[in-house]
Amino acid sequence: MKKVAYIFPGQGSQDVGMGKEMYETYDHVQQLFDQADEVLGYSLTSLMFEGPGDELTKTENAQPALLLNSVGITKVLEQEGVTPVMTAGHSLGEYSALVAAGSLQPTEAVQLVHTRGKLMEEAVPTGQGAMAAVLGLAKEDIENVLGDLDESEPVDLANINCPGQIVISGTAQGVEKASQLLKDAGAKRVLPLNVSGPFHSRLMEPASEEFAANLKETAISHSECPVYANVTAEPVEKAEDIEELLVKQLYSPVRFEEILEKFVEADLDAIVEVGHGKVLSGLVKKVNRRTKTFSVQNPETLQSFLEWYKEDS
């Protein structure tokens, strides 16, 4: 049997209409989506299928929506006999990776990330935090610039995505100041991101403390396959380690480039992006363009992947 790894997208990949075709095609997906609506107490499904887009983009809605969409596809793959040998997700996507590995139950995970999204929204008042993507500058050079900033306007590395693409996060004034300094230091571009807060920065520590209490009430199991954690870029399987790292993940950088490097070096037949969009598949190609990738996000792409997976090796 072919060896595949799953990677799961994070916030920013959401789009109105996502999951609708899967919902209409597979009974198991419909059942899962309906259960999520019930436990949340509102129709997340309607928001995913019909919008409005600005409501879907709110962190407390986008996070459970993306997880639900990815998990629905994962469950169909499971029914088709596909089992990943390792999983990982980008930020929020780590929760989808944990569901795929059997560490979290789907409806509990949906509730958990809904709470996570609310806490992240509330941690810093709107407009006081910001994030920006830095293109074409090495991690060490970015760290040098950020290290020279005033401590009263903190800015941190947030997402280390792939060579030449790193996201910074912090106070709005700090990110604005850092953006100009990074351009002066040789960055090709520094692009402000349309986000509601300074995610994966030290400003998220208050949210992490409250979130830790929520995690204590969540049933977390040892994973059935290695899940590569954002915080360490290392595989984690023990429940207590998973819990600790999910708390740290809120204010720590996402080390996705390192995770992808390890996936590329593993003896895999393909890396499969499970969920809406193709952003992560693109990151894989930037790490190693020869790696075989699939993006499974609707019945058509699902069948295309399954045809390859089930054909004789």
C-alpha atoms as a PDB file:
ATOM      1  CA  MET A   1       0.000   0.000   0.000  1.00  0.00           C
ATOM      2  CA  LYS A   2       1.178   3.509  -0.800  1.00  0.00           C
ATOM      3  CA  LYS A   3       2.522   5.658   2.038  1.00  0.00           C
ATOM      4  CA  VAL A   4       0.997   9.110   2.291  1.00  0.00           C
ATOM      5  CA  ALA A   5       1.133  11.993   4.748  1.00  0.00           C
ATOM      6  CA  TYR A   6      -1.718  14.426   5.337  1.00  0.00           C
ATOM      7  CA  ILE A   7      -1.296  18.184   5.757  1.00  0.00           C
ATOM      8  CA  PHE A   8      -4.183  20.437   6.769  1.00  0.00           C
ATOM      9  CA  PRO A   9      -4.741  24.130   5.964  1.00  0.00           C
ATOM     10  CA  GLY A  10      -5.210  26.857   8.553  1.00  0.00           C
ATOM     11  CA  GLN A  11      -7.039  30.140   8.835  1.00  0.00           C
ATOM     12  CA  GLY A  12      -7.107  32.216   5.664  1.00  0.00           C
ATOM     13  CA  SER A  13      -8.034  29.264   3.452  1.00  0.00           C
ATOM     14  CA  GLN A  14     -11.772  29.622   4.136  1.00  0.00           C
ATOM     15  CA  ASP A  15     -14.129  30.496   1.314  1.00  0.00           C
ATOM     16  CA  VAL A  16     -17.914  30.637   0.967  1.00  0.00           C
ATOM     17  CA  GLY A  17     -19.146  27.419  -0.648  1.00  0.00           C
ATOM     18  CA  MET A  18     -16.435  25.164   0.749  1.00  0.00           C
ATOM     19  CA  GLY A  19     -17.614  21.686   1.711  1.00  0.00           C
ATOM     20  CA  LYS A  20     -20.969  21.976  -0.087  1.00  0.00           C
ATOM     21  CA  GLU A  21     -20.226  19.401  -2.799  1.00  0.00           C
ATOM     22  CA  MET A  22     -18.864  16.928  -0.245  1.00  0.00           C
ATOM     23  CA  TYR A  23     -21.935  17.478   1.947  1.00  0.00           C
ATOM     24  CA  GLU A  24     -24.279  16.803  -0.969  1.00  0.00           C
ATOM     25  CA  THR A  25     -22.322  13.736  -2.138  1.00  0.00           C
ATOM     26  CA  TYR A  26     -21.449  11.819   1.037  1.00  0.00           C
ATOM     27  CA  ASP A  27     -23.906  10.894   3.808  1.00  0.00           C
ATOM     28  CA  HIS A  28     -21.064  10.652   6.331  1.00  0.00           C
ATOM     29  CA  VAL A  29     -20.058  14.267   5.665  1.00  0.00           C
ATOM     30  CA  GLN A  30     -23.673  15.442   5.963  1.00  0.00           C
ATOM     31  CA  GLN A  31     -24.046  13.654   9.295  1.00  0.00           C
ATOM     32  CA  LEU A  32     -20.819  15.178  10.627  1.00  0.00           C
ATOM     33  CA  PHE A  33     -21.732  18.716   9.529  1.00  0.00           C
ATOM     34  CA  ASP A  34     -25.203  18.416  11.068  1.00  0.00           C
ATOM     35  CA  GLN A  35     -23.688  17.205  14.361  1.00  0.00           C
ATOM     36  CA  ALA A  36     -21.354  20.225  14.376  1.00  0.00           C
ATOM     37  CA  ASP A  37     -24.277  22.612  13.926  1.00  0.00           C
ATOM     38  CA  GLU A  38     -26.003  20.942  16.858  1.00  0.00           C
ATOM     39  CA  VAL A  39     -23.066  21.139  19.295  1.00  0.00           C
ATOM     40  CA  LEU A  40     -22.253  24.748  18.341  1.00  0.00           C
ATOM     41  CA  GLY A  41     -25.855  25.891  18.648  1.00  0.00           C
ATOM     42  CA  TYR A  42     -25.893  27.698  15.300  1.00  0.00           C
ATOM     43  CA  SER A  43     -25.726  26.710  11.626  1.00  0.00           C
ATOM     44  CA  LEU A  44     -22.051  26.802  10.784  1.00  0.00           C
ATOM     45  CA  THR A  45     -22.952  24.767   7.694  1.00  0.00           C
ATOM     46  CA  SER A  46     -25.183  27.566   6.323  1.00  0.00           C
ATOM     47  CA  LEU A  47     -22.416  30.062   6.954  1.00  0.00           C
ATOM     48  CA  MET A  48     -19.946  27.852   5.065  1.00  0.00           C
ATOM     49  CA  PHE A  49     -22.252  27.293   2.103  1.00  0.00           C
ATOM     50  CA  GLU A  50     -23.965  30.679   1.791  1.00  0.00           C
ATOM     51  CA  GLY A  51     -21.908  33.227   3.737  1.00  0.00           C
ATOM     52  CA  PRO A  52     -21.778  36.136   4.181  1.00  0.00           C
ATOM     53  CA  GLY A  53     -18.037  36.070   3.699  1.00  0.00           C
ATOM     54  CA  ASP A  54     -17.251  38.607   6.415  1.00  0.00           C
ATOM     55  CA  GLU A  55     -19.028  36.418   9.004  1.00  0.00           C
ATOM     56  CA  LEU A  56     -17.240  33.276   7.809  1.00  0.00           C
ATOM     57  CA  THR A  57     -13.905  35.102   8.052  1.00  0.00           C
ATOM     58  CA  LYS A  58     -14.374  35.876  11.753  1.00  0.00           C
ATOM     59  CA  THR A  59     -11.872  33.759  13.652  1.00  0.00           C
ATOM     60  CA  GLU A  60     -14.501  32.054  15.826  1.00  0.00           C
ATOM     61  CA  ASN A  61     -16.313  30.877  12.651  1.00  0.00           C
ATOM     62  CA  ALA A  62     -13.413  30.334  10.258  1.00  0.00           C
ATOM     63  CA  GLN A  63     -11.595  27.970  12.606  1.00  0.00           C
ATOM     64  CA  PRO A  64     -14.407  25.437  13.179  1.00  0.00           C
ATOM     65  CA  ALA A  65     -15.463  25.737   9.521  1.00  0.00           C
ATOM     66  CA  LEU A  66     -12.014  24.851   8.196  1.00  0.00           C
ATOM     67  CA  LEU A  67     -11.615  22.017  10.672  1.00  0.00           C
ATOM     68  CA  LEU A  68     -15.059  20.597   9.878  1.00  0.00           C
ATOM     69  CA  ASN A  69     -14.379  20.713   6.152  1.00  0.00           C
ATOM     70  CA  SER A  70     -11.006  18.962   6.496  1.00  0.00           C
ATOM     71  CA  VAL A  71     -12.320  16.343   8.914  1.00  0.00           C
ATOM     72  CA  GLY A  72     -15.272  15.534   6.637  1.00  0.00           C
ATOM     73  CA  ILE A  73     -12.885  14.775   3.784  1.00  0.00           C
ATOM     74  CA  THR A  74     -10.624  12.795   6.119  1.00  0.00           C
ATOM     75  CA  LYS A  75     -13.543  10.587   7.167  1.00  0.00           C
ATOM     76  CA  VAL A  76     -14.390   9.821   3.532  1.00  0.00           C
ATOM     77  CA  LEU A  77     -10.741   8.935   2.857  1.00  0.00           C
ATOM     78  CA  GLU A  78     -10.839   6.674   5.917  1.00  0.00           C
ATOM     79  CA  GLN A  79     -13.924   4.884   4.557  1.00  0.00           C
ATOM     80  CA  GLU A  80     -12.044   4.384   1.291  1.00  0.00           C
ATOM     81  CA  GLY A  81      -9.226   2.642   3.165  1.00  0.00           C
ATOM     82  CA  VAL A  82      -6.680   5.468   3.144  1.00  0.00           C
ATOM     83  CA  THR A  83      -4.616   5.800   6.332  1.00  0.00           C
ATOM     84  CA  PRO A  84      -1.852   8.394   6.671  1.00  0.00           C
ATOM     85  CA  VAL A  85       1.523   7.398   8.128  1.00  0.00           C
ATOM     86  CA  MET A  86       2.022  10.915   9.541  1.00  0.00           C
ATOM     87  CA  THR A  87       0.051  14.152   9.747  1.00  0.00           C
ATOM     88  CA  ALA A  88       0.591  17.872  10.304  1.00  0.00           C
ATOM     89  CA  GLY A  89      -1.411  21.047  10.006  1.00  0.00           C
ATOM     90  CA  HIS A  90      -0.683  24.743   9.645  1.00  0.00           C
ATOM     91  CA  SER A  91      -1.668  26.495  12.894  1.00  0.00           C
ATOM     92  CA  LEU A  92      -5.401  25.719  13.202  1.00  0.00           C
ATOM     93  CA  GLY A  93      -4.773  22.800  10.811  1.00  0.00           C
ATOM     94  CA  GLU A  94      -2.916  21.001  13.598  1.00  0.00           C
ATOM     95  CA  TYR A  95      -6.307  20.238  15.165  1.00  0.00           C
ATOM     96  CA  SER A  96      -7.476  18.578  11.934  1.00  0.00           C
ATOM     97  CA  ALA A  97      -4.219  16.601  11.962  1.00  0.00           C
ATOM     98  CA  LEU A  98      -4.948  15.433  15.517  1.00  0.00           C
ATOM     99  CA  VAL A  99      -8.459  14.311  14.536  1.00  0.00           C
ATOM    100  CA  ALA A 100      -7.003  12.390  11.585  1.00  0.00           C
ATOM    101  CA  ALA A 101      -4.548  10.711  13.978  1.00  0.00           C
ATOM    102  CA  GLY A 102      -7.295   9.734  16.433  1.00  0.00           C
ATOM    103  CA  SER A 103      -6.235  12.107  19.231  1.00  0.00           C
ATOM    104  CA  LEU A 104      -9.341  14.313  19.112  1.00  0.00           C
ATOM    105  CA  GLN A 105     -12.960  13.453  18.364  1.00  0.00           C
ATOM    106  CA  PRO A 106     -14.495  15.538  15.544  1.00  0.00           C
ATOM    107  CA  THR A 107     -17.327  17.282  17.425  1.00  0.00           C
ATOM    108  CA  GLU A 108     -15.123  17.983  20.451  1.00  0.00           C
ATOM    109  CA  ALA A 109     -12.490  19.437  18.136  1.00  0.00           C
ATOM    110  CA  VAL A 110     -15.084  21.696  16.467  1.00  0.00           C
ATOM    111  CA  GLN A 111     -16.156  23.073  19.862  1.00  0.00           C
ATOM    112  CA  LEU A 112     -12.553  23.467  20.973  1.00  0.00           C
ATOM    113  CA  VAL A 113     -11.418  25.514  17.973  1.00  0.00           C
ATOM    114  CA  HIS A 114     -14.577  27.636  18.144  1.00  0.00           C
ATOM    115  CA  THR A 115     -13.546  28.564  21.698  1.00  0.00           C
ATOM    116  CA  ARG A 116      -9.937  28.993  20.587  1.00  0.00           C
ATOM    117  CA  GLY A 117     -11.043  31.435  17.898  1.00  0.00           C
ATOM    118  CA  LYS A 118     -13.098  33.504  20.350  1.00  0.00           C
ATOM    119  CA  LEU A 119     -10.217  33.702  22.826  1.00  0.00           C
ATOM    120  CA  MET A 120      -7.796  34.737  20.080  1.00  0.00           C
ATOM    121  CA  GLU A 121     -10.217  37.470  18.934  1.00  0.00           C
ATOM    122  CA  GLU A 122     -10.599  38.764  22.499  1.00  0.00           C
ATOM    123  CA  ALA A 123      -6.892  38.677  23.448  1.00  0.00           C
ATOM    124  CA  VAL A 124      -6.007  41.948  21.724  1.00  0.00           C
ATOM    125  CA  PRO A 125      -8.519  44.726  20.877  1.00  0.00           C
ATOM    126  CA  THR A 126      -9.297  45.051  17.161  1.00  0.00           C
ATOM    127  CA  GLY A 127      -6.825  47.288  15.371  1.00  0.00           C
ATOM    128  CA  GLN A 128      -4.099  47.028  18.013  1.00  0.00           C
ATOM    129  CA  GLY A 129      -2.419  43.955  16.536  1.00  0.00           C
ATOM    130  CA  ALA A 130      -1.180  43.116  13.036  1.00  0.00           C
ATOM    131  CA  MET A 131       0.619  40.537  10.912  1.00  0.00           C
ATOM    132  CA  ALA A 132       2.667  40.857   7.719  1.00  0.00           C
ATOM    133  CA  ALA A 133       4.292  38.459   5.274  1.00  0.00           C
ATOM    134  CA  VAL A 134       7.982  39.059   4.628  1.00  0.00           C
ATOM    135  CA  LEU A 135       9.185  37.824   1.237  1.00  0.00           C
ATOM    136  CA  GLY A 136      12.761  37.272   0.145  1.00  0.00           C
ATOM    137  CA  LEU A 137      14.614  37.677   3.431  1.00  0.00           C
ATOM    138  CA  ALA A 138      16.332  34.974   5.500  1.00  0.00           C
ATOM    139  CA  LYS A 139      15.003  34.070   8.944  1.00  0.00           C
ATOM    140  CA  GLU A 140      18.224  35.193  10.667  1.00  0.00           C
ATOM    141  CA  ASP A 141      18.064  38.631   9.016  1.00  0.00           C
ATOM    142  CA  ILE A 142      14.441  39.066  10.105  1.00  0.00           C
ATOM    143  CA  GLU A 143      15.319  38.040  13.667  1.00  0.00           C
ATOM    144  CA  ASN A 144      18.123  40.626  13.736  1.00  0.00           C
ATOM    145  CA  VAL A 145      15.722  43.402  12.722  1.00  0.00           C
ATOM    146  CA  LEU A 146      13.039  42.338  15.216  1.00  0.00           C
ATOM    147  CA  GLY A 147      15.626  42.119  17.994  1.00  0.00           C
ATOM    148  CA  ASP A 148      16.387  45.836  17.579  1.00  0.00           C
ATOM    149  CA  LEU A 149      12.758  46.938  18.058  1.00  0.00           C
ATOM    150  CA  ASP A 150      11.525  48.631  21.214  1.00  0.00           C
ATOM    151  CA  GLU A 151      10.175  46.100  23.744  1.00  0.00           C
ATOM    152  CA  SER A 152       7.062  48.248  24.170  1.00  0.00           C
ATOM    153  CA  GLU A 153       6.004  47.409  20.591  1.00  0.00           C
ATOM    154  CA  PRO A 154       6.835  43.688  20.378  1.00  0.00           C
ATOM    155  CA  VAL A 155       6.963  41.846  17.058  1.00  0.00           C
ATOM    156  CA  ASP A 156       7.702  38.117  16.717  1.00  0.00           C
ATOM    157  CA  LEU A 157       8.205  35.510  14.025  1.00  0.00           C
ATOM    158  CA  ALA A 158       4.778  33.913  13.560  1.00  0.00           C
ATOM    159  CA  ASN A 159       4.879  31.536  10.583  1.00  0.00           C
ATOM    160  CA  ILE A 160       8.022  30.112   9.021  1.00  0.00           C
ATOM    161  CA  ASN A 161       6.320  28.778   5.922  1.00  0.00           C
ATOM    162  CA  CYS A 162       8.953  28.010   3.298  1.00  0.00           C
ATOM    163  CA  PRO A 163      12.228  29.454   1.986  1.00  0.00           C
ATOM    164  CA  GLY A 164      11.756  33.195   1.518  1.00  0.00           C
ATOM    165  CA  GLN A 165       8.283  33.376   3.096  1.00  0.00           C
ATOM    166  CA  ILE A 166       7.990  34.268   6.779  1.00  0.00           C
ATOM    167  CA  VAL A 167       5.142  35.991   8.624  1.00  0.00           C
ATOM    168  CA  ILE A 168       5.689  38.437  11.508  1.00  0.00           C
ATOM    169  CA  SER A 169       3.146  39.303  14.193  1.00  0.00           C
ATOM    170  CA  GLY A 170       2.835  41.897  16.949  1.00  0.00           C
ATOM    171  CA  THR A 171       1.430  45.308  17.799  1.00  0.00           C
ATOM    172  CA  ALA A 172       0.146  47.357  14.858  1.00  0.00           C
ATOM    173  CA  GLN A 173       2.776  50.057  15.404  1.00  0.00           C
ATOM    174  CA  GLY A 174       5.530  47.498  15.868  1.00  0.00           C
ATOM    175  CA  VAL A 175       4.655  45.638  12.661  1.00  0.00           C
ATOM    176  CA  GLU A 176       4.471  48.918  10.728  1.00  0.00           C
ATOM    177  CA  LYS A 177       7.910  49.959  11.999  1.00  0.00           C
ATOM    178  CA  ALA A 178       9.372  46.483  11.418  1.00  0.00           C
ATOM    179  CA  SER A 179       7.991  46.380   7.864  1.00  0.00           C
ATOM    180  CA  GLN A 180       9.949  49.466   6.860  1.00  0.00           C
ATOM    181  CA  LEU A 181      13.132  48.231   8.562  1.00  0.00           C
ATOM    182  CA  LEU A 182      12.800  44.841   6.837  1.00  0.00           C
ATOM    183  CA  LYS A 183      12.459  46.519   3.444  1.00  0.00           C
ATOM    184  CA  ASP A 184      15.569  48.538   4.228  1.00  0.00           C
ATOM    185  CA  ALA A 185      17.319  45.256   5.148  1.00  0.00           C
ATOM    186  CA  GLY A 186      16.588  43.787   1.711  1.00  0.00           C
ATOM    187  CA  ALA A 187      13.139  42.169   1.848  1.00  0.00           C
ATOM    188  CA  LYS A 188      11.603  41.991  -1.641  1.00  0.00           C
ATOM    189  CA  ARG A 189       8.150  42.748  -0.258  1.00  0.00           C
ATOM    190  CA  VAL A 190       6.396  43.071   3.090  1.00  0.00           C
ATOM    191  CA  LEU A 191       2.668  42.518   2.754  1.00  0.00           C
ATOM    192  CA  PRO A 192       0.145  43.353   5.515  1.00  0.00           C
ATOM    193  CA  LEU A 193      -2.213  40.432   6.179  1.00  0.00           C
ATOM    194  CA  ASN A 194      -5.974  40.782   6.560  1.00  0.00           C
ATOM    195  CA  VAL A 195      -6.245  39.204  10.010  1.00  0.00           C
ATOM    196  CA  SER A 196      -8.064  40.187  13.182  1.00  0.00           C
ATOM    197  CA  GLY A 197      -5.163  39.823  15.597  1.00  0.00           C
ATOM    198  CA  PRO A 198      -1.440  39.245  16.203  1.00  0.00           C
ATOM    199  CA  PHE A 199      -1.581  35.447  16.138  1.00  0.00           C
ATOM    200  CA  HIS A 200       1.438  33.343  17.153  1.00  0.00           C
ATOM    201  CA  SER A 201       3.042  36.219  19.018  1.00  0.00           C
ATOM    202  CA  ARG A 202       3.680  36.821  22.718  1.00  0.00           C
ATOM    203  CA  LEU A 203       0.530  38.986  22.714  1.00  0.00           C
ATOM    204  CA  MET A 204      -1.478  35.752  22.593  1.00  0.00           C
ATOM    205  CA  GLU A 205      -0.189  34.512  25.957  1.00  0.00           C
ATOM    206  CA  PRO A 206      -3.284  35.736  27.885  1.00  0.00           C
ATOM    207  CA  ALA A 207      -5.496  33.729  25.507  1.00  0.00           C
ATOM    208  CA  SER A 208      -3.305  30.660  25.991  1.00  0.00           C
ATOM    209  CA  GLU A 209      -3.827  30.697  29.753  1.00  0.00           C
ATOM    210  CA  GLU A 210      -7.611  30.589  29.419  1.00  0.00           C
ATOM    211  CA  PHE A 211      -7.404  28.101  26.565  1.00  0.00           C
ATOM    212  CA  ALA A 212      -5.355  25.733  28.750  1.00  0.00           C
ATOM    213  CA  ALA A 213      -8.384  25.382  31.039  1.00  0.00           C
ATOM    214  CA  ASN A 214     -10.555  24.402  28.072  1.00  0.00           C
ATOM    215  CA  LEU A 215      -8.026  21.802  26.986  1.00  0.00           C
ATOM    216  CA  LYS A 216      -8.116  20.237  30.458  1.00  0.00           C
ATOM    217  CA  GLU A 217     -11.802  19.466  29.863  1.00  0.00           C
ATOM    218  CA  THR A 218     -11.177  17.950  26.423  1.00  0.00           C
ATOM    219  CA  ALA A 219     -10.571  14.247  25.919  1.00  0.00           C
ATOM    220  CA  ILE A 220      -7.197  13.881  24.187  1.00  0.00           C
ATOM    221  CA  SER A 221      -5.912  10.410  23.284  1.00  0.00           C
ATOM    222  CA  HIS A 222      -2.477   9.174  22.282  1.00  0.00           C
ATOM    223  CA  SER A 223      -2.222   9.535  18.509  1.00  0.00           C
ATOM    224  CA  GLU A 224      -2.400   6.532  16.208  1.00  0.00           C
ATOM    225  CA  CYS A 225       0.329   7.972  13.961  1.00  0.00           C
ATOM    226  CA  PRO A 226       2.917  10.722  14.503  1.00  0.00           C
ATOM    227  CA  VAL A 227       1.552  14.267  14.389  1.00  0.00           C
ATOM    228  CA  TYR A 228       4.269  16.835  13.717  1.00  0.00           C
ATOM    229  CA  ALA A 229       3.738  19.733  16.119  1.00  0.00           C
ATOM    230  CA  ASN A 230       3.926  23.361  14.976  1.00  0.00           C
ATOM    231  CA  VAL A 231       5.895  24.389  18.059  1.00  0.00           C
ATOM    232  CA  THR A 232       8.713  21.836  17.799  1.00  0.00           C
ATOM    233  CA  ALA A 233       8.502  20.521  14.216  1.00  0.00           C
ATOM    234  CA  GLU A 234       8.869  17.103  15.853  1.00  0.00           C
ATOM    235  CA  PRO A 235       6.468  14.147  16.016  1.00  0.00           C
ATOM    236  CA  VAL A 236       4.228  13.950  19.067  1.00  0.00           C
ATOM    237  CA  GLU A 237       2.045  11.016  20.128  1.00  0.00           C
ATOM    238  CA  LYS A 238       1.489  11.202  23.916  1.00  0.00           C
ATOM    239  CA  ALA A 239      -1.722  12.939  25.046  1.00  0.00           C
ATOM    240  CA  GLU A 240      -0.024  15.025  27.735  1.00  0.00           C
ATOM    241  CA  ASP A 241       2.578  16.303  25.244  1.00  0.00           C
ATOM    242  CA  ILE A 242      -0.141  17.161  22.711  1.00  0.00           C
ATOM    243  CA  GLU A 243      -2.020  19.212  25.304  1.00  0.00           C
ATOM    244  CA  GLU A 244       1.088  21.145  26.378  1.00  0.00           C
ATOM    245  CA  LEU A 245       2.088  21.951  22.803  1.00  0.00           C
ATOM    246  CA  LEU A 246      -1.399  23.133  21.803  1.00  0.00           C
ATOM    247  CA  VAL A 247      -1.228  25.741  24.569  1.00  0.00           C
ATOM    248  CA  LYS A 248       2.233  26.903  23.476  1.00  0.00           C
ATOM    249  CA  GLN A 249       1.144  26.929  19.844  1.00  0.00           C
ATOM    250  CA  LEU A 250      -0.995  30.051  20.383  1.00  0.00           C
ATOM    251  CA  TYR A 251       2.019  32.265  21.098  1.00  0.00           C
ATOM    252  CA  SER A 252       4.836  30.356  19.344  1.00  0.00           C
ATOM    253  CA  PRO A 253       5.963  30.429  15.708  1.00  0.00           C
ATOM    254  CA  VAL A 254       4.573  27.844  13.297  1.00  0.00           C
ATOM    255  CA  ARG A 255       7.664  25.958  12.095  1.00  0.00           C
ATOM    256  CA  PHE A 256       6.031  24.633   8.951  1.00  0.00           C
ATOM    257  CA  GLU A 257       9.079  24.779   6.703  1.00  0.00           C
ATOM    258  CA  GLU A 258      10.920  22.384   9.041  1.00  0.00           C
ATOM    259  CA  ILE A 259       7.927  20.049   9.153  1.00  0.00           C
ATOM    260  CA  LEU A 260       7.741  19.955   5.361  1.00  0.00           C
ATOM    261  CA  GLU A 261      11.472  19.294   5.112  1.00  0.00           C
ATOM    262  CA  LYS A 262      10.987  16.224   7.329  1.00  0.00           C
ATOM    263  CA  PHE A 263       8.001  15.051   5.307  1.00  0.00           C
ATOM    264  CA  VAL A 264       9.938  15.463   2.057  1.00  0.00           C
ATOM    265  CA  GLU A 265      12.836  13.445   3.482  1.00  0.00           C
ATOM    266  CA  ALA A 266      10.524  10.640   4.696  1.00  0.00           C
ATOM    267  CA  ASP A 267       9.883   7.578   2.554  1.00  0.00           C
ATOM    268  CA  LEU A 268       6.516   8.799   1.254  1.00  0.00           C
ATOM    269  CA  ASP A 269       4.734   8.260  -2.035  1.00  0.00           C
ATOM    270  CA  ALA A 270       2.839  11.557  -1.748  1.00  0.00           C
ATOM    271  CA  ILE A 271       1.869  14.438   0.537  1.00  0.00           C
ATOM    272  CA  VAL A 272      -1.868  15.099   0.511  1.00  0.00           C
ATOM    273  CA  GLU A 273      -3.393  18.469   1.407  1.00  0.00           C
ATOM    274  CA  VAL A 274      -6.789  17.666   2.906  1.00  0.00           C
ATOM    275  CA  GLY A 275      -9.173  20.623   2.947  1.00  0.00           C
ATOM    276  CA  HIS A 276      -9.952  23.829   1.115  1.00  0.00           C
ATOM    277  CA  GLY A 277      -7.348  25.402  -1.143  1.00  0.00           C
ATOM    278  CA  LYS A 278      -3.895  24.544  -2.438  1.00  0.00           C
ATOM    279  CA  VAL A 279      -1.702  26.862  -0.375  1.00  0.00           C
ATOM    280  CA  LEU A 280       0.145  24.110   1.506  1.00  0.00           C
ATOM    281  CA  SER A 281       0.728  22.049  -1.638  1.00  0.00           C
ATOM    282  CA  GLY A 282       2.438  25.137  -3.030  1.00  0.00           C
ATOM    283  CA  LEU A 283       4.652  25.369   0.057  1.00  0.00           C
ATOM    284  CA  VAL A 284       5.665  21.722  -0.382  1.00  0.00           C
ATOM    285  CA  LYS A 285       6.801  22.470  -3.939  1.00  0.00           C
ATOM    286  CA  LYS A 286       8.894  25.391  -2.681  1.00  0.00           C
ATOM    287  CA  VAL A 287      10.667  23.038  -0.285  1.00  0.00           C
ATOM    288  CA  ASN A 288      11.101  20.312  -2.941  1.00  0.00           C
ATOM    289  CA  ARG A 289       9.427  20.685  -6.326  1.00  0.00           C
ATOM    290  CA  ARG A 290       9.821  16.966  -7.145  1.00  0.00           C
ATOM    291  CA  THR A 291       7.623  15.810  -4.257  1.00  0.00           C
ATOM    292  CA  LYS A 292       4.307  14.353  -5.417  1.00  0.00           C
ATOM    293  CA  THR A 293       1.359  16.262  -3.950  1.00  0.00           C
ATOM    294  CA  PHE A 294      -2.417  16.076  -4.070  1.00  0.00           C
ATOM    295  CA  SER A 295      -5.005  18.639  -2.992  1.00  0.00           C
ATOM    296  CA  VAL A 296      -8.218  16.878  -1.952  1.00  0.00           C
ATOM    297  CA  GLN A 297     -11.067  19.344  -1.453  1.00  0.00           C
ATOM    298  CA  ASN A 298     -14.136  18.122  -3.391  1.00  0.00           C
ATOM    299  CA  PRO A 299     -15.529  14.897  -4.930  1.00  0.00           C
ATOM    300  CA  GLU A 300     -13.575  15.409  -8.167  1.00  0.00           C
ATOM    301  CA  THR A 301     -10.157  15.841  -6.541  1.00  0.00           C
ATOM    302  CA  LEU A 302     -10.992  13.066  -4.072  1.00  0.00           C
ATOM    303  CA  GLN A 303     -11.673  10.587  -6.880  1.00  0.00           C
ATOM    304  CA  SER A 304      -8.524  11.658  -8.725  1.00  0.00           C
ATOM    305  CA  PHE A 305      -6.450  10.938  -5.623  1.00  0.00           C
ATOM    306  CA  LEU A 306      -8.190   7.612  -4.934  1.00  0.00           C
ATOM    307  CA  GLU A 307      -7.559   6.428  -8.506  1.00  0.00           C
ATOM    308  CA  TRP A 308      -3.837   7.038  -8.000  1.00  0.00           C
ATOM    309  CA  TYR A 309      -3.840   5.575  -4.477  1.00  0.00           C
ATOM    310  CA  LYS A 310      -5.554   2.340  -5.479  1.00  0.00           C
ATOM    311  CA  GLU A 311      -3.692   1.697  -8.719  1.00  0.00           C
ATOM    312  CA  ASP A 312      -0.945  -0.927  -8.664  1.00  0.00           C
ATOM    313  CA  SER A 313       2.289   0.421  -7.233  1.00  0.00           C
END
